[in-house]
Amino acid sequence: MSDPRVAAVPVADCGEPLVDVRGSLPVDDRRADTTGSYAHLRSGVLDRLVQAQSFLPDGLRLLLVEGYRPPDLQRLYFEKYADDLRADNPAWSDDQVHQAASRFVSPPEIAPHSAGAAVDLTLVDADGIELDMGTRVNANPEESGGACYTDTASIGPRARTNRALLVDALSAAGLVNYGTEWWHWSYGDRYWALMTNQPAALYGPRALH
């Protein structure tokens, strides 16, 4: 996300509302907040997730972990991770810290979560048990030894198969993956526009209400 080409993509917000996805998809509460922000997405993103759900094998479901993220919370996440990296790497310049932090947490000014365009999710079976995906959701590169990267070779065959199921379903529904995070998918944001050669993003950062 630190790539200047992402920030250079213009935004032509289509005005779609943020909608509550609870009732349409299973939602986990590990990122729950008092306002319920985490369970909201742009309506067009939800439509595509419901479509992706239909592409999964019988008995499997998408489990949404976090959708919309208020801009202030996004800034807090980014600054906390950047501070951790700075403390662990005191010789790094501010630019190095920013670029490294952007591998895992989007800079606030371009964050797709704050546009309601991005979702962190995983797969569960018919009993609601999470499938083996190789790492937990939100495992950073340092913690996981790079196993959080979608195409890593350092995970077992079962996790690789499960990731392929997730990739196939979400890609077929028009979402794009951020390659350092197997769980992060988006539609309509600046990164999506860059990856799919669109002239502009459909969604920009906004407040929930």
N, C-alpha and C. Protein backbone atom coordinates (compact mmCIF):
# COMPACT_ATOMS: atom_id res chain seq x y z
N MET A 1 0.81 -1.21 0.00
CA MET A 1 0.00 0.00 0.00
C MET A 1 0.85 1.27 0.00
N SER A 2 2.15 1.12 0.21
CA SER A 2 3.01 2.30 0.18
C SER A 2 3.36 2.70 -1.24
N ASP A 3 3.00 1.88 -2.22
CA ASP A 3 3.27 2.17 -3.62
C ASP A 3 2.59 3.48 -4.01
N PRO A 4 3.34 4.48 -4.48
CA PRO A 4 2.72 5.77 -4.83
C PRO A 4 1.66 5.65 -5.91
N ARG A 5 1.68 4.58 -6.68
CA ARG A 5 0.65 4.40 -7.71
C ARG A 5 -0.73 4.19 -7.09
N VAL A 6 -0.77 3.63 -5.89
CA VAL A 6 -2.06 3.45 -5.22
C VAL A 6 -2.63 4.80 -4.82
N ALA A 7 -1.82 5.62 -4.16
CA ALA A 7 -2.28 6.94 -3.72
C ALA A 7 -2.64 7.84 -4.89
N ALA A 8 -2.05 7.57 -6.07
CA ALA A 8 -2.29 8.41 -7.24
C ALA A 8 -3.63 8.11 -7.92
N VAL A 9 -4.25 7.00 -7.58
CA VAL A 9 -5.54 6.65 -8.20
C VAL A 9 -6.61 7.62 -7.71
N PRO A 10 -7.34 8.27 -8.62
CA PRO A 10 -8.40 9.19 -8.18
C PRO A 10 -9.59 8.41 -7.62
N VAL A 11 -10.39 9.10 -6.83
CA VAL A 11 -11.60 8.51 -6.25
C VAL A 11 -12.82 9.22 -6.82
N ALA A 12 -13.73 8.44 -7.38
CA ALA A 12 -15.02 8.96 -7.85
C ALA A 12 -16.09 8.20 -7.07
N ASP A 13 -16.32 8.63 -5.83
CA ASP A 13 -17.19 7.87 -4.94
C ASP A 13 -18.60 7.78 -5.51
N CYS A 14 -19.09 6.55 -5.62
CA CYS A 14 -20.40 6.33 -6.22
C CYS A 14 -21.55 6.54 -5.25
N GLY A 15 -21.23 6.77 -3.99
CA GLY A 15 -22.26 7.09 -3.01
C GLY A 15 -23.01 5.92 -2.42
N GLU A 16 -22.56 4.69 -2.69
CA GLU A 16 -23.23 3.54 -2.09
C GLU A 16 -23.18 3.61 -0.57
N PRO A 17 -24.24 3.20 0.09
CA PRO A 17 -24.24 3.26 1.56
C PRO A 17 -23.41 2.16 2.19
N LEU A 18 -23.02 2.41 3.42
CA LEU A 18 -22.46 1.36 4.27
C LEU A 18 -23.63 0.60 4.88
N VAL A 19 -23.60 -0.73 4.74
CA VAL A 19 -24.71 -1.53 5.24
C VAL A 19 -24.20 -2.57 6.24
N ASP A 20 -25.06 -2.97 7.15
CA ASP A 20 -24.72 -3.99 8.15
C ASP A 20 -24.81 -5.36 7.49
N VAL A 21 -23.73 -6.11 7.53
CA VAL A 21 -23.70 -7.41 6.85
C VAL A 21 -24.26 -8.53 7.71
N ARG A 22 -24.49 -8.28 9.01
CA ARG A 22 -25.04 -9.31 9.88
C ARG A 22 -26.45 -9.67 9.40
N GLY A 23 -26.68 -10.93 9.27
CA GLY A 23 -27.93 -11.39 8.68
C GLY A 23 -27.72 -11.89 7.26
N SER A 24 -26.63 -11.42 6.62
CA SER A 24 -26.30 -11.89 5.27
C SER A 24 -25.12 -12.84 5.27
N LEU A 25 -24.19 -12.64 6.22
CA LEU A 25 -22.98 -13.47 6.33
C LEU A 25 -22.65 -13.72 7.80
N PRO A 26 -22.03 -14.84 8.12
CA PRO A 26 -21.54 -15.03 9.49
C PRO A 26 -20.50 -13.97 9.83
N VAL A 27 -20.59 -13.43 11.04
CA VAL A 27 -19.67 -12.38 11.48
C VAL A 27 -19.08 -12.77 12.82
N ASP A 28 -17.75 -12.72 12.90
CA ASP A 28 -17.03 -13.03 14.13
C ASP A 28 -16.96 -11.76 14.97
N ASP A 29 -16.81 -11.90 16.28
CA ASP A 29 -16.82 -10.71 17.14
C ASP A 29 -15.45 -10.30 17.67
N ARG A 30 -14.37 -10.89 17.13
CA ARG A 30 -13.05 -10.58 17.69
C ARG A 30 -12.64 -9.14 17.45
N ARG A 31 -13.22 -8.48 16.44
CA ARG A 31 -12.93 -7.07 16.18
C ARG A 31 -14.14 -6.20 16.47
N ALA A 32 -15.07 -6.72 17.24
CA ALA A 32 -16.30 -5.98 17.51
C ALA A 32 -16.02 -4.66 18.23
N ASP A 33 -16.82 -3.67 17.92
CA ASP A 33 -16.72 -2.36 18.57
C ASP A 33 -18.12 -1.94 18.99
N THR A 34 -18.21 -0.93 19.83
CA THR A 34 -19.50 -0.55 20.41
C THR A 34 -20.47 -0.02 19.37
N THR A 35 -19.98 0.51 18.27
CA THR A 35 -20.86 1.07 17.24
C THR A 35 -21.28 0.05 16.19
N GLY A 36 -20.62 -1.13 16.20
CA GLY A 36 -20.90 -2.11 15.16
C GLY A 36 -20.27 -1.78 13.82
N SER A 37 -19.33 -0.83 13.83
CA SER A 37 -18.69 -0.42 12.57
C SER A 37 -18.08 -1.59 11.83
N TYR A 38 -17.44 -2.48 12.58
CA TYR A 38 -16.69 -3.58 11.98
C TYR A 38 -17.55 -4.49 11.10
N ALA A 39 -18.87 -4.48 11.33
CA ALA A 39 -19.79 -5.36 10.60
C ALA A 39 -20.47 -4.64 9.44
N HIS A 40 -19.90 -3.53 8.99
CA HIS A 40 -20.46 -2.78 7.86
C HIS A 40 -19.53 -2.83 6.66
N LEU A 41 -20.13 -2.78 5.48
CA LEU A 41 -19.42 -2.69 4.21
C LEU A 41 -20.27 -1.91 3.22
N ARG A 42 -19.66 -1.44 2.16
CA ARG A 42 -20.45 -0.86 1.08
C ARG A 42 -21.36 -1.95 0.51
N SER A 43 -22.53 -1.56 0.08
CA SER A 43 -23.51 -2.54 -0.38
C SER A 43 -23.01 -3.36 -1.55
N GLY A 44 -22.22 -2.76 -2.43
CA GLY A 44 -21.68 -3.49 -3.57
C GLY A 44 -20.67 -4.55 -3.17
N VAL A 45 -19.94 -4.29 -2.09
CA VAL A 45 -18.98 -5.28 -1.58
C VAL A 45 -19.73 -6.45 -0.97
N LEU A 46 -20.77 -6.16 -0.20
CA LEU A 46 -21.57 -7.23 0.39
C LEU A 46 -22.19 -8.10 -0.69
N ASP A 47 -22.71 -7.49 -1.75
CA ASP A 47 -23.31 -8.27 -2.84
C ASP A 47 -22.31 -9.26 -3.41
N ARG A 48 -21.07 -8.83 -3.55
CA ARG A 48 -20.04 -9.71 -4.12
C ARG A 48 -19.60 -10.80 -3.15
N LEU A 49 -19.63 -10.51 -1.87
CA LEU A 49 -19.32 -11.55 -0.89
C LEU A 49 -20.41 -12.62 -0.86
N VAL A 50 -21.65 -12.20 -0.97
CA VAL A 50 -22.75 -13.18 -1.02
C VAL A 50 -22.60 -14.05 -2.26
N GLN A 51 -22.19 -13.44 -3.37
CA GLN A 51 -21.95 -14.21 -4.58
C GLN A 51 -20.79 -15.18 -4.38
N ALA A 52 -19.71 -14.71 -3.77
CA ALA A 52 -18.55 -15.58 -3.51
C ALA A 52 -18.95 -16.75 -2.64
N GLN A 53 -19.81 -16.49 -1.65
CA GLN A 53 -20.29 -17.56 -0.78
C GLN A 53 -20.91 -18.70 -1.59
N SER A 54 -21.63 -18.34 -2.65
CA SER A 54 -22.30 -19.36 -3.47
C SER A 54 -21.33 -20.20 -4.27
N PHE A 55 -20.09 -19.73 -4.43
CA PHE A 55 -19.09 -20.47 -5.18
C PHE A 55 -18.33 -21.48 -4.32
N LEU A 56 -18.50 -21.43 -3.01
CA LEU A 56 -17.78 -22.34 -2.12
C LEU A 56 -18.41 -23.73 -2.13
N PRO A 57 -17.61 -24.75 -1.84
CA PRO A 57 -18.17 -26.10 -1.72
C PRO A 57 -19.21 -26.16 -0.62
N ASP A 58 -20.15 -27.11 -0.74
CA ASP A 58 -21.18 -27.29 0.28
C ASP A 58 -20.53 -27.49 1.65
N GLY A 59 -21.10 -26.84 2.64
CA GLY A 59 -20.61 -27.00 4.00
C GLY A 59 -19.60 -25.96 4.43
N LEU A 60 -19.10 -25.16 3.50
CA LEU A 60 -18.14 -24.10 3.85
C LEU A 60 -18.81 -22.74 3.78
N ARG A 61 -18.36 -21.85 4.65
CA ARG A 61 -18.91 -20.50 4.71
C ARG A 61 -17.79 -19.50 4.88
N LEU A 62 -18.02 -18.30 4.38
CA LEU A 62 -17.14 -17.18 4.70
C LEU A 62 -17.43 -16.74 6.13
N LEU A 63 -16.41 -16.33 6.85
CA LEU A 63 -16.57 -15.74 8.18
C LEU A 63 -15.92 -14.37 8.16
N LEU A 64 -16.74 -13.34 8.25
CA LEU A 64 -16.23 -11.97 8.26
C LEU A 64 -15.66 -11.64 9.64
N VAL A 65 -14.43 -11.13 9.63
CA VAL A 65 -13.77 -10.74 10.88
C VAL A 65 -13.82 -9.23 11.07
N GLU A 66 -13.57 -8.47 10.01
CA GLU A 66 -13.63 -7.01 10.10
C GLU A 66 -13.88 -6.42 8.73
N GLY A 67 -14.82 -5.49 8.69
CA GLY A 67 -15.11 -4.77 7.46
C GLY A 67 -14.70 -3.31 7.58
N TYR A 68 -15.71 -2.45 7.74
CA TYR A 68 -15.43 -1.01 7.84
C TYR A 68 -14.63 -0.69 9.10
N ARG A 69 -13.71 0.25 8.94
CA ARG A 69 -12.87 0.69 10.05
C ARG A 69 -12.84 2.22 10.03
N PRO A 70 -13.34 2.90 11.05
CA PRO A 70 -13.32 4.36 11.06
C PRO A 70 -11.91 4.90 10.85
N PRO A 71 -11.77 6.03 10.15
CA PRO A 71 -10.44 6.58 9.86
C PRO A 71 -9.57 6.76 11.10
N ASP A 72 -10.15 7.19 12.22
CA ASP A 72 -9.34 7.39 13.43
C ASP A 72 -8.78 6.07 13.95
N LEU A 73 -9.55 5.00 13.83
CA LEU A 73 -9.07 3.69 14.26
C LEU A 73 -7.99 3.18 13.32
N GLN A 74 -8.16 3.43 12.04
CA GLN A 74 -7.14 3.04 11.06
C GLN A 74 -5.82 3.73 11.36
N ARG A 75 -5.89 5.01 11.70
CA ARG A 75 -4.68 5.77 12.03
C ARG A 75 -4.01 5.19 13.28
N LEU A 76 -4.82 4.81 14.26
CA LEU A 76 -4.28 4.21 15.49
C LEU A 76 -3.56 2.90 15.18
N TYR A 77 -4.17 2.04 14.36
CA TYR A 77 -3.54 0.77 13.99
C TYR A 77 -2.20 1.00 13.29
N PHE A 78 -2.21 1.94 12.34
CA PHE A 78 -1.01 2.18 11.55
C PHE A 78 0.12 2.73 12.43
N GLU A 79 -0.21 3.71 13.25
CA GLU A 79 0.83 4.34 14.08
C GLU A 79 1.37 3.35 15.12
N LYS A 80 0.53 2.49 15.66
CA LYS A 80 0.99 1.50 16.64
C LYS A 80 1.97 0.52 16.00
N TYR A 81 1.64 0.03 14.80
CA TYR A 81 2.53 -0.91 14.13
C TYR A 81 3.83 -0.22 13.71
N ALA A 82 3.73 1.01 13.23
CA ALA A 82 4.93 1.76 12.85
C ALA A 82 5.83 1.99 14.07
N ASP A 83 5.24 2.30 15.21
CA ASP A 83 6.02 2.51 16.43
C ASP A 83 6.75 1.22 16.84
N ASP A 84 6.06 0.09 16.70
CA ASP A 84 6.69 -1.20 17.03
C ASP A 84 7.87 -1.47 16.11
N LEU A 85 7.70 -1.22 14.82
CA LEU A 85 8.78 -1.43 13.87
C LEU A 85 9.95 -0.50 14.14
N ARG A 86 9.65 0.73 14.49
CA ARG A 86 10.69 1.72 14.78
C ARG A 86 11.50 1.30 16.00
N ALA A 87 10.81 0.79 17.01
CA ALA A 87 11.49 0.34 18.23
C ALA A 87 12.38 -0.87 17.96
N ASP A 88 11.93 -1.76 17.07
CA ASP A 88 12.71 -2.96 16.75
C ASP A 88 13.83 -2.70 15.75
N ASN A 89 13.73 -1.57 15.04
CA ASN A 89 14.71 -1.26 13.98
C ASN A 89 15.13 0.21 14.09
N PRO A 90 15.87 0.56 15.14
CA PRO A 90 16.18 1.98 15.40
C PRO A 90 17.00 2.65 14.31
N ALA A 91 17.68 1.88 13.46
CA ALA A 91 18.48 2.47 12.40
C ALA A 91 17.65 2.84 11.17
N TRP A 92 16.40 2.42 11.13
CA TRP A 92 15.56 2.70 9.95
C TRP A 92 15.18 4.17 9.88
N SER A 93 15.10 4.67 8.66
CA SER A 93 14.61 6.03 8.44
C SER A 93 13.08 6.03 8.54
N ASP A 94 12.50 7.23 8.60
CA ASP A 94 11.04 7.33 8.64
C ASP A 94 10.42 6.71 7.40
N ASP A 95 11.05 6.89 6.24
CA ASP A 95 10.52 6.30 5.01
C ASP A 95 10.55 4.77 5.06
N GLN A 96 11.62 4.22 5.61
CA GLN A 96 11.70 2.76 5.73
C GLN A 96 10.62 2.22 6.66
N VAL A 97 10.41 2.92 7.78
CA VAL A 97 9.36 2.51 8.71
C VAL A 97 8.00 2.57 8.04
N HIS A 98 7.74 3.65 7.31
CA HIS A 98 6.44 3.83 6.65
C HIS A 98 6.21 2.73 5.62
N GLN A 99 7.22 2.43 4.83
CA GLN A 99 7.07 1.41 3.79
C GLN A 99 6.86 0.03 4.41
N ALA A 100 7.61 -0.28 5.46
CA ALA A 100 7.46 -1.58 6.11
C ALA A 100 6.10 -1.70 6.79
N ALA A 101 5.67 -0.64 7.45
CA ALA A 101 4.36 -0.67 8.11
C ALA A 101 3.23 -0.83 7.10
N SER A 102 3.42 -0.26 5.92
CA SER A 102 2.38 -0.30 4.89
C SER A 102 2.21 -1.68 4.27
N ARG A 103 3.18 -2.58 4.51
CA ARG A 103 2.99 -3.96 4.03
C ARG A 103 1.83 -4.63 4.74
N PHE A 104 1.60 -4.22 5.99
CA PHE A 104 0.64 -4.93 6.84
C PHE A 104 -0.57 -4.08 7.22
N VAL A 105 -0.38 -2.78 7.39
CA VAL A 105 -1.48 -1.88 7.74
C VAL A 105 -1.50 -0.74 6.73
N SER A 106 -2.63 -0.51 6.10
CA SER A 106 -2.72 0.53 5.09
C SER A 106 -2.54 1.91 5.71
N PRO A 107 -1.78 2.80 5.06
CA PRO A 107 -1.71 4.18 5.54
C PRO A 107 -3.12 4.78 5.61
N PRO A 108 -3.41 5.56 6.62
CA PRO A 108 -4.78 6.05 6.83
C PRO A 108 -5.38 6.77 5.62
N GLU A 109 -4.55 7.49 4.88
CA GLU A 109 -5.09 8.29 3.78
C GLU A 109 -5.59 7.46 2.61
N ILE A 110 -5.20 6.20 2.52
CA ILE A 110 -5.65 5.37 1.39
C ILE A 110 -6.31 4.08 1.84
N ALA A 111 -6.56 3.93 3.13
CA ALA A 111 -7.01 2.65 3.68
C ALA A 111 -8.35 2.21 3.10
N PRO A 112 -8.39 1.03 2.47
CA PRO A 112 -9.66 0.54 1.93
C PRO A 112 -10.68 0.18 3.00
N HIS A 113 -10.23 -0.21 4.19
CA HIS A 113 -11.19 -0.51 5.27
C HIS A 113 -11.99 0.74 5.63
N SER A 114 -11.35 1.90 5.59
CA SER A 114 -12.04 3.14 5.97
C SER A 114 -12.98 3.64 4.87
N ALA A 115 -12.93 3.00 3.72
CA ALA A 115 -13.87 3.29 2.65
C ALA A 115 -15.02 2.28 2.63
N GLY A 116 -14.99 1.30 3.53
CA GLY A 116 -15.99 0.24 3.52
C GLY A 116 -15.83 -0.68 2.34
N ALA A 117 -14.62 -0.69 1.76
CA ALA A 117 -14.35 -1.45 0.55
C ALA A 117 -13.60 -2.74 0.80
N ALA A 118 -13.07 -2.91 2.01
CA ALA A 118 -12.22 -4.06 2.31
C ALA A 118 -12.79 -4.89 3.44
N VAL A 119 -12.45 -6.17 3.39
CA VAL A 119 -12.94 -7.09 4.41
C VAL A 119 -11.83 -8.07 4.76
N ASP A 120 -11.69 -8.35 6.05
CA ASP A 120 -10.82 -9.42 6.53
C ASP A 120 -11.71 -10.61 6.85
N LEU A 121 -11.40 -11.76 6.27
CA LEU A 121 -12.28 -12.91 6.45
C LEU A 121 -11.51 -14.21 6.35
N THR A 122 -12.20 -15.29 6.70
CA THR A 122 -11.63 -16.62 6.60
C THR A 122 -12.75 -17.59 6.27
N LEU A 123 -12.45 -18.88 6.32
CA LEU A 123 -13.43 -19.92 6.03
C LEU A 123 -13.76 -20.73 7.28
N VAL A 124 -15.02 -21.13 7.40
CA VAL A 124 -15.44 -22.01 8.48
C VAL A 124 -16.22 -23.19 7.89
N ASP A 125 -16.26 -24.28 8.65
CA ASP A 125 -17.02 -25.44 8.20
C ASP A 125 -18.46 -25.34 8.69
N ALA A 126 -19.23 -26.40 8.47
CA ALA A 126 -20.65 -26.38 8.81
C ALA A 126 -20.90 -26.19 10.30
N ASP A 127 -19.91 -26.53 11.12
CA ASP A 127 -20.03 -26.35 12.57
C ASP A 127 -19.48 -25.02 13.06
N GLY A 128 -19.06 -24.18 12.12
CA GLY A 128 -18.52 -22.87 12.49
C GLY A 128 -17.07 -22.90 12.92
N ILE A 129 -16.38 -24.00 12.68
CA ILE A 129 -14.97 -24.11 13.06
C ILE A 129 -14.11 -23.57 11.93
N GLU A 130 -13.16 -22.71 12.29
CA GLU A 130 -12.28 -22.12 11.27
C GLU A 130 -11.39 -23.18 10.65
N LEU A 131 -11.23 -23.09 9.34
CA LEU A 131 -10.35 -24.01 8.62
C LEU A 131 -8.89 -23.63 8.84
N ASP A 132 -8.01 -24.57 8.64
CA ASP A 132 -6.57 -24.32 8.70
C ASP A 132 -6.18 -23.49 7.48
N MET A 133 -5.74 -22.25 7.73
CA MET A 133 -5.31 -21.36 6.65
C MET A 133 -3.81 -21.07 6.72
N GLY A 134 -3.11 -21.74 7.60
CA GLY A 134 -1.66 -21.56 7.69
C GLY A 134 -1.22 -20.59 8.75
N THR A 135 -2.00 -19.54 8.99
CA THR A 135 -1.76 -18.58 10.08
C THR A 135 -3.12 -18.13 10.59
N ARG A 136 -3.11 -17.46 11.71
CA ARG A 136 -4.33 -16.81 12.17
C ARG A 136 -4.60 -15.59 11.30
N VAL A 137 -5.83 -15.13 11.29
CA VAL A 137 -6.16 -13.86 10.65
C VAL A 137 -5.40 -12.75 11.38
N ASN A 138 -4.82 -11.85 10.61
CA ASN A 138 -4.07 -10.69 11.13
C ASN A 138 -2.72 -11.03 11.72
N ALA A 139 -2.16 -12.19 11.38
CA ALA A 139 -0.78 -12.50 11.78
C ALA A 139 0.16 -11.68 10.92
N ASN A 140 0.99 -10.83 11.54
CA ASN A 140 1.86 -9.96 10.74
C ASN A 140 3.06 -10.73 10.20
N PRO A 141 3.81 -10.14 9.26
CA PRO A 141 4.94 -10.84 8.66
C PRO A 141 6.00 -11.27 9.65
N GLU A 142 6.22 -10.46 10.69
CA GLU A 142 7.24 -10.80 11.67
C GLU A 142 6.80 -12.01 12.50
N GLU A 143 5.58 -11.99 12.95
CA GLU A 143 5.05 -13.10 13.76
C GLU A 143 4.99 -14.40 12.98
N SER A 144 4.58 -14.34 11.73
CA SER A 144 4.32 -15.55 10.95
C SER A 144 5.50 -16.01 10.10
N GLY A 145 6.59 -15.26 10.15
CA GLY A 145 7.72 -15.61 9.30
C GLY A 145 7.39 -15.54 7.83
N GLY A 146 6.47 -14.64 7.48
CA GLY A 146 6.07 -14.46 6.08
C GLY A 146 4.97 -15.39 5.63
N ALA A 147 4.49 -16.29 6.51
CA ALA A 147 3.44 -17.23 6.12
C ALA A 147 2.10 -16.54 5.88
N CYS A 148 1.98 -15.27 6.31
CA CYS A 148 0.75 -14.52 6.04
C CYS A 148 0.62 -14.13 4.57
N TYR A 149 1.74 -14.17 3.83
CA TYR A 149 1.68 -13.85 2.40
C TYR A 149 0.84 -14.90 1.70
N THR A 150 -0.08 -14.46 0.87
CA THR A 150 -1.07 -15.36 0.27
C THR A 150 -0.43 -16.53 -0.46
N ASP A 151 0.61 -16.26 -1.23
CA ASP A 151 1.21 -17.29 -2.08
C ASP A 151 2.44 -17.94 -1.47
N THR A 152 2.63 -17.83 -0.17
CA THR A 152 3.81 -18.40 0.46
C THR A 152 3.87 -19.91 0.24
N ALA A 153 5.10 -20.43 0.19
CA ALA A 153 5.30 -21.88 0.08
C ALA A 153 5.52 -22.52 1.44
N SER A 154 5.46 -21.72 2.51
CA SER A 154 5.86 -22.21 3.83
C SER A 154 4.69 -22.73 4.66
N ILE A 155 3.56 -23.03 4.03
CA ILE A 155 2.43 -23.60 4.77
C ILE A 155 2.16 -25.01 4.27
N GLY A 156 1.42 -25.77 5.05
CA GLY A 156 1.16 -27.15 4.70
C GLY A 156 0.14 -27.30 3.58
N PRO A 157 0.01 -28.51 3.05
CA PRO A 157 -0.88 -28.74 1.91
C PRO A 157 -2.35 -28.46 2.22
N ARG A 158 -2.80 -28.78 3.44
CA ARG A 158 -4.20 -28.51 3.77
C ARG A 158 -4.48 -27.01 3.76
N ALA A 159 -3.62 -26.23 4.38
CA ALA A 159 -3.79 -24.78 4.39
C ALA A 159 -3.72 -24.22 2.98
N ARG A 160 -2.83 -24.76 2.17
CA ARG A 160 -2.71 -24.29 0.79
C ARG A 160 -3.99 -24.56 0.01
N THR A 161 -4.58 -25.72 0.22
CA THR A 161 -5.84 -26.05 -0.44
C THR A 161 -6.96 -25.13 0.02
N ASN A 162 -7.01 -24.86 1.31
CA ASN A 162 -8.06 -23.98 1.84
C ASN A 162 -7.90 -22.55 1.34
N ARG A 163 -6.67 -22.08 1.26
CA ARG A 163 -6.45 -20.74 0.70
C ARG A 163 -6.90 -20.68 -0.76
N ALA A 164 -6.64 -21.76 -1.49
CA ALA A 164 -7.04 -21.78 -2.90
C ALA A 164 -8.56 -21.70 -3.04
N LEU A 165 -9.29 -22.35 -2.15
CA LEU A 165 -10.75 -22.26 -2.17
C LEU A 165 -11.21 -20.82 -1.95
N LEU A 166 -10.58 -20.16 -0.98
CA LEU A 166 -10.92 -18.77 -0.69
C LEU A 166 -10.59 -17.87 -1.86
N VAL A 167 -9.40 -18.04 -2.43
CA VAL A 167 -8.95 -17.22 -3.56
C VAL A 167 -9.87 -17.41 -4.76
N ASP A 168 -10.20 -18.63 -5.06
CA ASP A 168 -11.03 -18.90 -6.24
C ASP A 168 -12.42 -18.27 -6.11
N ALA A 169 -13.04 -18.42 -4.94
CA ALA A 169 -14.39 -17.90 -4.75
C ALA A 169 -14.43 -16.37 -4.78
N LEU A 170 -13.51 -15.75 -4.07
CA LEU A 170 -13.53 -14.29 -3.99
C LEU A 170 -13.08 -13.64 -5.30
N SER A 171 -12.10 -14.23 -5.96
CA SER A 171 -11.66 -13.71 -7.26
C SER A 171 -12.79 -13.79 -8.28
N ALA A 172 -13.52 -14.91 -8.27
CA ALA A 172 -14.62 -15.09 -9.22
C ALA A 172 -15.73 -14.06 -9.00
N ALA A 173 -15.83 -13.53 -7.77
CA ALA A 173 -16.84 -12.52 -7.47
C ALA A 173 -16.34 -11.10 -7.71
N GLY A 174 -15.09 -10.96 -8.16
CA GLY A 174 -14.58 -9.65 -8.53
C GLY A 174 -13.77 -8.92 -7.49
N LEU A 175 -13.48 -9.58 -6.35
CA LEU A 175 -12.64 -8.95 -5.34
C LEU A 175 -11.17 -9.23 -5.63
N VAL A 176 -10.29 -8.39 -5.07
CA VAL A 176 -8.85 -8.58 -5.22
C VAL A 176 -8.22 -8.75 -3.84
N ASN A 177 -7.15 -9.52 -3.82
CA ASN A 177 -6.44 -9.80 -2.58
C ASN A 177 -5.21 -8.91 -2.46
N TYR A 178 -4.92 -8.49 -1.23
CA TYR A 178 -3.66 -7.81 -0.94
C TYR A 178 -2.66 -8.88 -0.56
N GLY A 179 -1.65 -9.07 -1.36
CA GLY A 179 -0.82 -10.26 -1.34
C GLY A 179 -0.02 -10.53 -0.08
N THR A 180 0.11 -9.56 0.81
CA THR A 180 0.81 -9.83 2.08
C THR A 180 -0.13 -10.34 3.16
N GLU A 181 -1.43 -10.38 2.87
CA GLU A 181 -2.43 -10.79 3.86
C GLU A 181 -3.46 -11.69 3.17
N TRP A 182 -3.41 -12.99 3.38
CA TRP A 182 -4.32 -13.89 2.68
C TRP A 182 -5.78 -13.59 2.99
N TRP A 183 -6.06 -12.98 4.13
CA TRP A 183 -7.43 -12.74 4.59
C TRP A 183 -8.02 -11.43 4.09
N HIS A 184 -7.21 -10.56 3.48
CA HIS A 184 -7.66 -9.20 3.14
C HIS A 184 -8.07 -9.12 1.68
N TRP A 185 -9.34 -8.78 1.46
CA TRP A 185 -9.90 -8.69 0.12
C TRP A 185 -10.68 -7.38 -0.02
N SER A 186 -10.69 -6.85 -1.24
CA SER A 186 -11.38 -5.58 -1.41
C SER A 186 -11.99 -5.47 -2.81
N TYR A 187 -12.90 -4.52 -2.89
CA TYR A 187 -13.54 -4.18 -4.17
C TYR A 187 -13.86 -2.70 -4.13
N GLY A 188 -13.55 -2.00 -5.21
CA GLY A 188 -13.95 -0.60 -5.34
C GLY A 188 -13.00 0.43 -4.76
N ASP A 189 -11.94 0.00 -4.07
CA ASP A 189 -10.99 0.94 -3.47
C ASP A 189 -9.87 1.28 -4.45
N ARG A 190 -8.92 2.08 -4.04
CA ARG A 190 -7.82 2.49 -4.91
C ARG A 190 -6.95 1.32 -5.32
N TYR A 191 -6.66 0.43 -4.39
CA TYR A 191 -5.83 -0.73 -4.72
C TYR A 191 -6.53 -1.62 -5.75
N TRP A 192 -7.81 -1.85 -5.55
CA TRP A 192 -8.60 -2.61 -6.52
C TRP A 192 -8.55 -1.95 -7.90
N ALA A 193 -8.71 -0.63 -7.93
CA ALA A 193 -8.69 0.08 -9.20
C ALA A 193 -7.35 -0.09 -9.91
N LEU A 194 -6.25 0.00 -9.15
CA LEU A 194 -4.93 -0.17 -9.73
C LEU A 194 -4.74 -1.58 -10.27
N MET A 195 -5.14 -2.57 -9.49
CA MET A 195 -4.93 -3.97 -9.87
C MET A 195 -5.81 -4.40 -11.05
N THR A 196 -6.94 -3.72 -11.24
CA THR A 196 -7.87 -4.12 -12.31
C THR A 196 -7.93 -3.09 -13.44
N ASN A 197 -6.97 -2.15 -13.41
CA ASN A 197 -6.86 -1.15 -14.49
C ASN A 197 -8.12 -0.31 -14.66
N GLN A 198 -8.72 0.07 -13.54
CA GLN A 198 -9.89 0.96 -13.58
C GLN A 198 -9.42 2.41 -13.51
N PRO A 199 -10.16 3.34 -14.12
CA PRO A 199 -9.73 4.74 -14.12
C PRO A 199 -9.82 5.43 -12.77
N ALA A 200 -10.67 4.92 -11.89
CA ALA A 200 -10.85 5.56 -10.58
C ALA A 200 -11.41 4.55 -9.59
N ALA A 201 -11.21 4.83 -8.31
CA ALA A 201 -11.82 4.03 -7.26
C ALA A 201 -13.30 4.41 -7.13
N LEU A 202 -14.12 3.45 -6.74
CA LEU A 202 -15.55 3.69 -6.57
C LEU A 202 -15.89 4.18 -5.17
N TYR A 203 -15.01 3.90 -4.21
CA TYR A 203 -15.27 4.23 -2.82
C TYR A 203 -14.07 4.94 -2.20
N GLY A 204 -14.34 6.02 -1.46
CA GLY A 204 -13.30 6.70 -0.70
C GLY A 204 -13.62 6.66 0.78
N PRO A 205 -12.66 7.04 1.64
CA PRO A 205 -12.91 7.03 3.09
C PRO A 205 -14.14 7.84 3.45
N ARG A 206 -14.87 7.36 4.44
CA ARG A 206 -16.08 8.07 4.86
C ARG A 206 -16.42 7.70 6.30
N ALA A 207 -17.28 8.50 6.90
CA ALA A 207 -17.78 8.22 8.24
C ALA A 207 -18.95 7.26 8.15
N LEU A 208 -19.18 6.51 9.23
CA LEU A 208 -20.28 5.56 9.24
C LEU A 208 -21.62 6.28 9.21
N HIS A 209 -21.72 7.38 9.95
CA HIS A 209 -22.97 8.12 9.99
C HIS A 209 -22.75 9.57 9.58
